[in-house]
């Protein structure tokens, strides 16, 4: 009887611990404020290519960002006076083509990298970052292909009467739609392509921890533009401590851990639904 009671108490303790951990992780996964890149200076590539430098200032860290493109770009804005703000309309924020339940705030300032050539390009981060978001402007006549890296389209501006996630104000250059195409390119590789019609303006999101992001512009077109933001550093968003002297805060959970946490999140959602049903 004593052993049974002890086992039951231990099970309840583990259940309570799982509840707390799941609550913390689920809360962080749905946190909406985004820290956007502040692009700085000018091209640092001495040749025909382009290298742009920026910083992301999160709640506790400063992350250096480097963008490289061997073919060069269309133009580059760093928030200087007199630059055009291509992220309008900004009000109301809830109708912006760049905001959603996972992105509270559109890109800050006028910072943008405008592209014109097909080919590969890379973003590199000085610290591992979490759940990056990628806002794009005027992606007409072009598309972006991410090799072996899936993404979710969070929002785009197809007009307030459009179906989600396009039910937002049209962007600077007009209305458009965005979609994802999944292409098997052989050799065990998959391209996840961002495509659109009209004048697509919107935001997509990658889930997980990243040191770099590489993608391919599908065609030459002057111009389409982008900037990048993050939910935070991996250490801030995934603060899962390891046991003893091993890995500490900032370690990205293993798949089995994610499964356990996802189960806990599902349990929390189910509990919330049952409570709402009882009070209805």
C-alpha atoms as a PDB file:
ATOM      1  CA  UNK A   1       0.000   0.000   0.000  1.00  0.00           C
ATOM      2  CA  UNK A   2       2.822   2.369   0.889  1.00  0.00           C
ATOM      3  CA  UNK A   3       4.677   1.471  -2.295  1.00  0.00           C
ATOM      4  CA  UNK A   4       1.525   2.025  -4.353  1.00  0.00           C
ATOM      5  CA  UNK A   5       1.020   5.432  -2.751  1.00  0.00           C
ATOM      6  CA  UNK A   6       4.659   6.366  -3.356  1.00  0.00           C
ATOM      7  CA  UNK A   7       4.416   5.331  -7.024  1.00  0.00           C
ATOM      8  CA  UNK A   8       1.241   7.324  -7.438  1.00  0.00           C
ATOM      9  CA  UNK A   9       2.827  10.397  -5.837  1.00  0.00           C
ATOM     10  CA  UNK A  10       5.888  10.037  -8.037  1.00  0.00           C
ATOM     11  CA  UNK A  11       3.709   9.776 -11.141  1.00  0.00           C
ATOM     12  CA  UNK A  12       1.824  12.892 -10.095  1.00  0.00           C
ATOM     13  CA  UNK A  13       5.102  14.724  -9.548  1.00  0.00           C
ATOM     14  CA  UNK A  14       6.360  13.809 -13.002  1.00  0.00           C
ATOM     15  CA  UNK A  15       3.020  14.831 -14.511  1.00  0.00           C
ATOM     16  CA  UNK A  16       3.231  18.196 -12.782  1.00  0.00           C
ATOM     17  CA  UNK A  17       6.810  18.678 -13.988  1.00  0.00           C
ATOM     18  CA  UNK A  18       5.827  17.796 -17.557  1.00  0.00           C
ATOM     19  CA  UNK A  19       2.943  20.262 -17.333  1.00  0.00           C
ATOM     20  CA  UNK A  20       5.245  23.088 -16.226  1.00  0.00           C
ATOM     21  CA  UNK A  21       7.882  22.344 -18.881  1.00  0.00           C
ATOM     22  CA  UNK A  22       5.234  22.056 -21.592  1.00  0.00           C
ATOM     23  CA  UNK A  23       3.643  25.315 -20.508  1.00  0.00           C
ATOM     24  CA  UNK A  24       6.995  27.146 -20.702  1.00  0.00           C
ATOM     25  CA  UNK A  25       7.928  25.666 -24.076  1.00  0.00           C
ATOM     26  CA  UNK A  26       4.465  26.159 -25.594  1.00  0.00           C
ATOM     27  CA  UNK A  27       4.417  29.758 -24.390  1.00  0.00           C
ATOM     28  CA  UNK A  28       7.813  30.458 -25.973  1.00  0.00           C
ATOM     29  CA  UNK A  29       6.762  28.771 -29.220  1.00  0.00           C
ATOM     30  CA  UNK A  30       3.817  31.131 -29.597  1.00  0.00           C
ATOM     31  CA  UNK A  31       5.609  34.317 -28.527  1.00  0.00           C
ATOM     32  CA  UNK A  32       4.942  36.884 -31.243  1.00  0.00           C
ATOM     33  CA  UNK A  33       7.428  39.809 -30.952  1.00  0.00           C
ATOM     34  CA  UNK A  34      10.111  39.645 -33.662  1.00  0.00           C
ATOM     35  CA  UNK A  35      13.589  41.170 -33.568  1.00  0.00           C
ATOM     36  CA  UNK A  36      14.417  42.465 -37.061  1.00  0.00           C
ATOM     37  CA  UNK A  37      17.797  42.981 -38.725  1.00  0.00           C
ATOM     38  CA  UNK A  38      19.249  46.480 -38.698  1.00  0.00           C
ATOM     39  CA  UNK A  39      21.200  46.520 -41.967  1.00  0.00           C
ATOM     40  CA  UNK A  40      24.327  48.673 -41.791  1.00  0.00           C
ATOM     41  CA  UNK A  41      26.897  50.432 -43.957  1.00  0.00           C
ATOM     42  CA  UNK A  42      27.389  49.504 -47.593  1.00  0.00           C
ATOM     43  CA  UNK A  43      28.636  46.679 -49.798  1.00  0.00           C
ATOM     44  CA  UNK A  44      31.860  45.154 -48.426  1.00  0.00           C
ATOM     45  CA  UNK A  45      32.479  42.839 -51.400  1.00  0.00           C
ATOM     46  CA  UNK A  46      35.376  44.213 -53.496  1.00  0.00           C
ATOM     47  CA  UNK A  47      34.204  42.369 -56.628  1.00  0.00           C
ATOM     48  CA  UNK A  48      30.927  42.122 -58.546  1.00  0.00           C
ATOM     49  CA  UNK A  49      29.155  40.346 -55.695  1.00  0.00           C
ATOM     50  CA  UNK A  50      27.530  41.856 -52.628  1.00  0.00           C
ATOM     51  CA  UNK A  51      28.144  41.413 -48.908  1.00  0.00           C
ATOM     52  CA  UNK A  52      25.891  43.232 -46.461  1.00  0.00           C
ATOM     53  CA  UNK A  53      26.307  43.392 -42.695  1.00  0.00           C
ATOM     54  CA  UNK A  54      23.668  43.936 -40.028  1.00  0.00           C
ATOM     55  CA  UNK A  55      22.806  43.324 -36.398  1.00  0.00           C
ATOM     56  CA  UNK A  56      19.857  41.832 -34.585  1.00  0.00           C
ATOM     57  CA  UNK A  57      19.399  43.064 -31.020  1.00  0.00           C
ATOM     58  CA  UNK A  58      17.317  40.624 -28.976  1.00  0.00           C
ATOM     59  CA  UNK A  59      16.245  40.877 -25.348  1.00  0.00           C
ATOM     60  CA  UNK A  60      19.677  39.716 -24.096  1.00  0.00           C
ATOM     61  CA  UNK A  61      22.048  39.494 -27.084  1.00  0.00           C
ATOM     62  CA  UNK A  62      23.383  41.164 -30.196  1.00  0.00           C
ATOM     63  CA  UNK A  63      23.672  38.886 -33.220  1.00  0.00           C
ATOM     64  CA  UNK A  64      25.783  39.864 -36.224  1.00  0.00           C
ATOM     65  CA  UNK A  65      24.213  39.043 -39.595  1.00  0.00           C
ATOM     66  CA  UNK A  66      26.081  38.642 -42.891  1.00  0.00           C
ATOM     67  CA  UNK A  67      24.352  38.412 -46.271  1.00  0.00           C
ATOM     68  CA  UNK A  68      26.381  37.256 -49.299  1.00  0.00           C
ATOM     69  CA  UNK A  69      25.413  37.105 -52.969  1.00  0.00           C
ATOM     70  CA  UNK A  70      28.093  36.310 -55.568  1.00  0.00           C
ATOM     71  CA  UNK A  71      26.148  37.979 -58.399  1.00  0.00           C
ATOM     72  CA  UNK A  72      25.302  41.216 -56.627  1.00  0.00           C
ATOM     73  CA  UNK A  73      21.948  42.832 -55.856  1.00  0.00           C
ATOM     74  CA  UNK A  74      19.591  45.542 -57.042  1.00  0.00           C
ATOM     75  CA  UNK A  75      19.941  48.010 -54.169  1.00  0.00           C
ATOM     76  CA  UNK A  76      20.350  48.181 -50.403  1.00  0.00           C
ATOM     77  CA  UNK A  77      18.577  50.286 -47.757  1.00  0.00           C
ATOM     78  CA  UNK A  78      19.806  50.733 -44.193  1.00  0.00           C
ATOM     79  CA  UNK A  79      17.191  52.991 -42.627  1.00  0.00           C
ATOM     80  CA  UNK A  80      18.771  56.270 -43.750  1.00  0.00           C
ATOM     81  CA  UNK A  81      16.720  59.439 -44.063  1.00  0.00           C
ATOM     82  CA  UNK A  82      14.861  59.807 -47.339  1.00  0.00           C
ATOM     83  CA  UNK A  83      14.604  56.080 -48.093  1.00  0.00           C
ATOM     84  CA  UNK A  84      11.279  54.613 -49.226  1.00  0.00           C
ATOM     85  CA  UNK A  85       9.360  52.497 -46.721  1.00  0.00           C
ATOM     86  CA  UNK A  86       8.315  49.448 -48.726  1.00  0.00           C
ATOM     87  CA  UNK A  87       6.649  47.818 -45.700  1.00  0.00           C
ATOM     88  CA  UNK A  88       3.608  50.092 -45.815  1.00  0.00           C
ATOM     89  CA  UNK A  89       0.754  50.121 -45.016  1.00  0.00           C
ATOM     90  CA  UNK A  90       1.753  49.825 -41.356  1.00  0.00           C
ATOM     91  CA  UNK A  91      -1.574  50.688 -39.729  1.00  0.00           C
ATOM     92  CA  UNK A  92      -3.523  49.036 -38.403  1.00  0.00           C
ATOM     93  CA  UNK A  93      -0.729  46.592 -37.555  1.00  0.00           C
ATOM     94  CA  UNK A  94      -3.183  43.682 -37.494  1.00  0.00           C
ATOM     95  CA  UNK A  95      -3.910  44.204 -41.223  1.00  0.00           C
ATOM     96  CA  UNK A  96      -0.269  44.360 -42.325  1.00  0.00           C
ATOM     97  CA  UNK A  97       0.742  41.730 -44.901  1.00  0.00           C
ATOM     98  CA  UNK A  98       3.748  41.034 -42.659  1.00  0.00           C
ATOM     99  CA  UNK A  99       2.022  40.315 -39.322  1.00  0.00           C
ATOM    100  CA  UNK A 100       0.156  37.286 -37.993  1.00  0.00           C
ATOM    101  CA  UNK A 101      -0.490  35.364 -34.794  1.00  0.00           C
ATOM    102  CA  UNK A 102       3.238  34.513 -34.748  1.00  0.00           C
ATOM    103  CA  UNK A 103       4.559  37.916 -35.857  1.00  0.00           C
ATOM    104  CA  UNK A 104       3.358  40.929 -33.878  1.00  0.00           C
ATOM    105  CA  UNK A 105       5.415  43.604 -35.590  1.00  0.00           C
ATOM    106  CA  UNK A 106       6.298  44.268 -39.247  1.00  0.00           C
ATOM    107  CA  UNK A 107       9.914  44.949 -40.268  1.00  0.00           C
ATOM    108  CA  UNK A 108      11.307  48.065 -38.638  1.00  0.00           C
ATOM    109  CA  UNK A 109      12.467  51.107 -40.571  1.00  0.00           C
ATOM    110  CA  UNK A 110      13.167  51.008 -44.282  1.00  0.00           C
ATOM    111  CA  UNK A 111      15.885  48.324 -44.150  1.00  0.00           C
ATOM    112  CA  UNK A 112      15.728  46.024 -47.180  1.00  0.00           C
ATOM    113  CA  UNK A 113      17.947  44.076 -49.578  1.00  0.00           C
ATOM    114  CA  UNK A 114      16.542  44.297 -53.105  1.00  0.00           C
ATOM    115  CA  UNK A 115      17.440  41.449 -55.466  1.00  0.00           C
ATOM    116  CA  UNK A 116      17.707  41.291 -59.247  1.00  0.00           C
ATOM    117  CA  UNK A 117      19.599  38.124 -60.231  1.00  0.00           C
ATOM    118  CA  UNK A 118      18.877  34.413 -60.113  1.00  0.00           C
ATOM    119  CA  UNK A 119      21.234  32.255 -58.076  1.00  0.00           C
ATOM    120  CA  UNK A 120      22.242  31.340 -54.559  1.00  0.00           C
ATOM    121  CA  UNK A 121      22.628  33.600 -51.542  1.00  0.00           C
ATOM    122  CA  UNK A 122      23.278  33.051 -47.862  1.00  0.00           C
ATOM    123  CA  UNK A 123      22.507  34.619 -44.498  1.00  0.00           C
ATOM    124  CA  UNK A 124      24.966  33.796 -41.696  1.00  0.00           C
ATOM    125  CA  UNK A 125      24.462  34.511 -37.994  1.00  0.00           C
ATOM    126  CA  UNK A 126      27.177  34.963 -35.361  1.00  0.00           C
ATOM    127  CA  UNK A 127      25.013  33.106 -32.838  1.00  0.00           C
ATOM    128  CA  UNK A 128      22.543  30.298 -33.354  1.00  0.00           C
ATOM    129  CA  UNK A 129      19.137  31.915 -33.779  1.00  0.00           C
ATOM    130  CA  UNK A 130      15.617  30.559 -33.292  1.00  0.00           C
ATOM    131  CA  UNK A 131      12.584  30.473 -35.579  1.00  0.00           C
ATOM    132  CA  UNK A 132      13.691  33.036 -38.182  1.00  0.00           C
ATOM    133  CA  UNK A 133      11.069  34.909 -40.196  1.00  0.00           C
ATOM    134  CA  UNK A 134      11.594  36.174 -43.705  1.00  0.00           C
ATOM    135  CA  UNK A 135       9.572  39.113 -45.030  1.00  0.00           C
ATOM    136  CA  UNK A 136       9.477  39.666 -48.787  1.00  0.00           C
ATOM    137  CA  UNK A 137       8.401  42.564 -50.989  1.00  0.00           C
ATOM    138  CA  UNK A 138       7.086  42.434 -54.575  1.00  0.00           C
ATOM    139  CA  UNK A 139       7.914  38.803 -55.328  1.00  0.00           C
ATOM    140  CA  UNK A 140       6.312  38.986 -58.770  1.00  0.00           C
ATOM    141  CA  UNK A 141       8.039  37.288 -61.680  1.00  0.00           C
ATOM    142  CA  UNK A 142      10.352  35.438 -59.293  1.00  0.00           C
ATOM    143  CA  UNK A 143      10.455  32.926 -56.459  1.00  0.00           C
ATOM    144  CA  UNK A 144      12.761  31.612 -53.744  1.00  0.00           C
ATOM    145  CA  UNK A 145      13.845  27.972 -53.429  1.00  0.00           C
ATOM    146  CA  UNK A 146      15.091  26.616 -50.082  1.00  0.00           C
ATOM    147  CA  UNK A 147      16.997  23.342 -50.383  1.00  0.00           C
ATOM    148  CA  UNK A 148      15.884  20.710 -47.854  1.00  0.00           C
ATOM    149  CA  UNK A 149      14.418  23.450 -45.684  1.00  0.00           C
ATOM    150  CA  UNK A 150      10.663  23.590 -45.265  1.00  0.00           C
ATOM    151  CA  UNK A 151       8.839  26.763 -44.220  1.00  0.00           C
ATOM    152  CA  UNK A 152       5.384  28.022 -43.349  1.00  0.00           C
ATOM    153  CA  UNK A 153       3.751  30.999 -45.068  1.00  0.00           C
ATOM    154  CA  UNK A 154       2.356  33.018 -42.179  1.00  0.00           C
ATOM    155  CA  UNK A 155       0.786  35.945 -44.022  1.00  0.00           C
ATOM    156  CA  UNK A 156       0.547  37.824 -47.304  1.00  0.00           C
ATOM    157  CA  UNK A 157      -1.465  40.721 -48.675  1.00  0.00           C
ATOM    158  CA  UNK A 158      -4.251  39.574 -50.968  1.00  0.00           C
ATOM    159  CA  UNK A 159      -6.874  41.977 -49.592  1.00  0.00           C
ATOM    160  CA  UNK A 160      -8.937  42.020 -46.407  1.00  0.00           C
ATOM    161  CA  UNK A 161     -11.653  39.838 -47.925  1.00  0.00           C
ATOM    162  CA  UNK A 162      -9.285  37.098 -49.050  1.00  0.00           C
ATOM    163  CA  UNK A 163      -8.925  33.686 -47.438  1.00  0.00           C
ATOM    164  CA  UNK A 164      -6.320  33.255 -44.667  1.00  0.00           C
ATOM    165  CA  UNK A 165      -3.400  33.691 -44.510  1.00  0.00           C
ATOM    166  CA  UNK A 166      -3.843  36.257 -47.297  1.00  0.00           C
ATOM    167  CA  UNK A 167      -6.593  38.242 -45.553  1.00  0.00           C
ATOM    168  CA  UNK A 168      -4.459  41.343 -45.050  1.00  0.00           C
ATOM    169  CA  UNK A 169      -4.012  44.732 -46.640  1.00  0.00           C
ATOM    170  CA  UNK A 170      -2.272  44.729 -49.994  1.00  0.00           C
ATOM    171  CA  UNK A 171       1.416  45.624 -49.990  1.00  0.00           C
ATOM    172  CA  UNK A 172       3.281  48.665 -51.288  1.00  0.00           C
ATOM    173  CA  UNK A 173       3.023  47.579 -54.928  1.00  0.00           C
ATOM    174  CA  UNK A 174      -0.452  46.051 -54.740  1.00  0.00           C
ATOM    175  CA  UNK A 175      -2.179  42.754 -54.002  1.00  0.00           C
ATOM    176  CA  UNK A 176      -0.835  39.286 -54.582  1.00  0.00           C
ATOM    177  CA  UNK A 177      -0.907  35.702 -53.422  1.00  0.00           C
ATOM    178  CA  UNK A 178       1.827  33.415 -52.099  1.00  0.00           C
ATOM    179  CA  UNK A 179       2.111  29.644 -52.225  1.00  0.00           C
ATOM    180  CA  UNK A 180       4.579  26.840 -51.570  1.00  0.00           C
ATOM    181  CA  UNK A 181       5.666  24.279 -54.139  1.00  0.00           C
ATOM    182  CA  UNK A 182       7.605  21.161 -53.095  1.00  0.00           C
ATOM    183  CA  UNK A 183       9.942  19.832 -55.795  1.00  0.00           C
ATOM    184  CA  UNK A 184      12.040  16.653 -55.742  1.00  0.00           C
ATOM    185  CA  UNK A 185      15.317  17.710 -57.397  1.00  0.00           C
ATOM    186  CA  UNK A 186      16.896  14.269 -57.155  1.00  0.00           C
ATOM    187  CA  UNK A 187      19.670  12.806 -55.074  1.00  0.00           C
ATOM    188  CA  UNK A 188      17.470  12.741 -52.006  1.00  0.00           C
ATOM    189  CA  UNK A 189      17.081  16.535 -52.115  1.00  0.00           C
ATOM    190  CA  UNK A 190      13.875  18.554 -51.923  1.00  0.00           C
ATOM    191  CA  UNK A 191      13.358  22.202 -52.826  1.00  0.00           C
ATOM    192  CA  UNK A 192      10.667  24.106 -50.979  1.00  0.00           C
ATOM    193  CA  UNK A 193       9.762  26.992 -53.287  1.00  0.00           C
ATOM    194  CA  UNK A 194       8.027  30.231 -52.408  1.00  0.00           C
ATOM    195  CA  UNK A 195       5.966  31.321 -55.407  1.00  0.00           C
ATOM    196  CA  UNK A 196       3.309  33.934 -56.024  1.00  0.00           C
ATOM    197  CA  UNK A 197       0.929  35.717 -58.350  1.00  0.00           C
ATOM    198  CA  UNK A 198       0.286  39.419 -58.730  1.00  0.00           C
ATOM    199  CA  UNK A 199       2.381  41.483 -56.289  1.00  0.00           C
ATOM    200  CA  UNK A 200       3.169  39.184 -53.352  1.00  0.00           C
ATOM    201  CA  UNK A 201       4.177  40.848 -50.078  1.00  0.00           C
ATOM    202  CA  UNK A 202       4.311  38.670 -46.969  1.00  0.00           C
ATOM    203  CA  UNK A 203       6.157  36.745 -44.289  1.00  0.00           C
ATOM    204  CA  UNK A 204       7.259  33.133 -43.977  1.00  0.00           C
ATOM    205  CA  UNK A 205       8.735  31.313 -40.987  1.00  0.00           C
ATOM    206  CA  UNK A 206      11.318  28.600 -40.454  1.00  0.00           C
ATOM    207  CA  UNK A 207      11.073  26.513 -37.306  1.00  0.00           C
ATOM    208  CA  UNK A 208      14.118  25.478 -35.315  1.00  0.00           C
ATOM    209  CA  UNK A 209      17.671  26.654 -34.659  1.00  0.00           C
ATOM    210  CA  UNK A 210      19.863  28.065 -37.443  1.00  0.00           C
ATOM    211  CA  UNK A 211      23.403  29.332 -37.995  1.00  0.00           C
ATOM    212  CA  UNK A 212      22.842  29.963 -41.714  1.00  0.00           C
ATOM    213  CA  UNK A 213      20.014  30.214 -44.251  1.00  0.00           C
ATOM    214  CA  UNK A 214      20.680  29.602 -47.958  1.00  0.00           C
ATOM    215  CA  UNK A 215      18.224  29.939 -50.819  1.00  0.00           C
ATOM    216  CA  UNK A 216      18.077  30.358 -54.573  1.00  0.00           C
ATOM    217  CA  UNK A 217      16.332  33.118 -56.513  1.00  0.00           C
ATOM    218  CA  UNK A 218      14.599  31.391 -59.400  1.00  0.00           C
ATOM    219  CA  UNK A 219      14.941  34.073 -62.071  1.00  0.00           C
ATOM    220  CA  UNK A 220      16.407  37.453 -62.973  1.00  0.00           C
ATOM    221  CA  UNK A 221      13.944  40.209 -62.099  1.00  0.00           C
ATOM    222  CA  UNK A 222      14.407  43.818 -60.967  1.00  0.00           C
ATOM    223  CA  UNK A 223      13.361  43.920 -58.292  1.00  0.00           C
ATOM    224  CA  UNK A 224      12.111  41.916 -55.290  1.00  0.00           C
ATOM    225  CA  UNK A 225      13.309  42.475 -51.742  1.00  0.00           C
ATOM    226  CA  UNK A 226      13.533  40.933 -48.294  1.00  0.00           C
ATOM    227  CA  UNK A 227      14.693  41.270 -44.723  1.00  0.00           C
ATOM    228  CA  UNK A 228      14.997  38.775 -41.887  1.00  0.00           C
ATOM    229  CA  UNK A 229      14.020  38.706 -38.210  1.00  0.00           C
ATOM    230  CA  UNK A 230      14.158  36.183 -35.395  1.00  0.00           C
ATOM    231  CA  UNK A 231      12.163  35.160 -32.354  1.00  0.00           C
ATOM    232  CA  UNK A 232      15.425  35.292 -30.407  1.00  0.00           C
ATOM    233  CA  UNK A 233      18.649  33.381 -30.034  1.00  0.00           C
ATOM    234  CA  UNK A 234      18.456  29.627 -29.577  1.00  0.00           C
ATOM    235  CA  UNK A 235      19.673  30.093 -25.997  1.00  0.00           C
ATOM    236  CA  UNK A 236      16.769  32.458 -25.293  1.00  0.00           C
ATOM    237  CA  UNK A 237      14.006  30.486 -27.001  1.00  0.00           C
ATOM    238  CA  UNK A 238      15.119  26.911 -26.285  1.00  0.00           C
ATOM    239  CA  UNK A 239      16.545  27.153 -22.729  1.00  0.00           C
ATOM    240  CA  UNK A 240      16.543  23.418 -22.030  1.00  0.00           C
ATOM    241  CA  UNK A 241      19.307  22.705 -19.458  1.00  0.00           C
ATOM    242  CA  UNK A 242      21.275  19.490 -19.656  1.00  0.00           C
ATOM    243  CA  UNK A 243      22.009  17.244 -16.663  1.00  0.00           C
ATOM    244  CA  UNK A 244      25.161  17.647 -14.572  1.00  0.00           C
ATOM    245  CA  UNK A 245      28.207  19.154 -16.260  1.00  0.00           C
ATOM    246  CA  UNK A 246      26.914  18.452 -19.764  1.00  0.00           C
ATOM    247  CA  UNK A 247      25.163  20.776 -22.231  1.00  0.00           C
ATOM    248  CA  UNK A 248      23.464  23.723 -20.603  1.00  0.00           C
ATOM    249  CA  UNK A 249      20.969  26.395 -21.663  1.00  0.00           C
ATOM    250  CA  UNK A 250      20.640  26.922 -25.369  1.00  0.00           C
ATOM    251  CA  UNK A 251      20.903  23.266 -26.330  1.00  0.00           C
ATOM    252  CA  UNK A 252      18.319  22.424 -28.990  1.00  0.00           C
ATOM    253  CA  UNK A 253      16.184  19.484 -27.802  1.00  0.00           C
ATOM    254  CA  UNK A 254      16.544  16.102 -29.478  1.00  0.00           C
ATOM    255  CA  UNK A 255      13.610  14.816 -31.590  1.00  0.00           C
ATOM    256  CA  UNK A 256      12.413  12.546 -28.767  1.00  0.00           C
ATOM    257  CA  UNK A 257      12.386  15.525 -26.426  1.00  0.00           C
ATOM    258  CA  UNK A 258      10.402  17.553 -28.945  1.00  0.00           C
ATOM    259  CA  UNK A 259       7.890  14.678 -29.166  1.00  0.00           C
ATOM    260  CA  UNK A 260       7.486  14.672 -25.384  1.00  0.00           C
ATOM    261  CA  UNK A 261       7.051  18.435 -25.308  1.00  0.00           C
ATOM    262  CA  UNK A 262       4.615  18.347 -28.215  1.00  0.00           C
ATOM    263  CA  UNK A 263       2.568  15.747 -26.358  1.00  0.00           C
ATOM    264  CA  UNK A 264       2.523  18.024 -23.338  1.00  0.00           C
ATOM    265  CA  UNK A 265       1.417  20.957 -25.493  1.00  0.00           C
ATOM    266  CA  UNK A 266      -1.378  18.853 -26.969  1.00  0.00           C
ATOM    267  CA  UNK A 267      -2.452  17.899 -23.458  1.00  0.00           C
ATOM    268  CA  UNK A 268      -2.581  21.533 -22.425  1.00  0.00           C
ATOM    269  CA  UNK A 269      -4.717  22.399 -25.453  1.00  0.00           C
ATOM    270  CA  UNK A 270      -7.073  19.488 -24.771  1.00  0.00           C
ATOM    271  CA  UNK A 271      -7.380  20.527 -21.123  1.00  0.00           C
ATOM    272  CA  UNK A 272      -8.246  24.045 -22.196  1.00  0.00           C
ATOM    273  CA  UNK A 273     -10.921  22.785 -24.569  1.00  0.00           C
ATOM    274  CA  UNK A 274     -12.500  20.577 -21.881  1.00  0.00           C
ATOM    275  CA  UNK A 275     -12.603  23.496 -19.466  1.00  0.00           C
ATOM    276  CA  UNK A 276     -14.263  25.715 -22.066  1.00  0.00           C
ATOM    277  CA  UNK A 277     -16.844  23.000 -22.794  1.00  0.00           C
ATOM    278  CA  UNK A 278     -17.667  22.622 -19.110  1.00  0.00           C
ATOM    279  CA  UNK A 279     -18.158  26.376 -18.700  1.00  0.00           C
ATOM    280  CA  UNK A 280     -20.169  26.789 -21.928  1.00  0.00           C
END
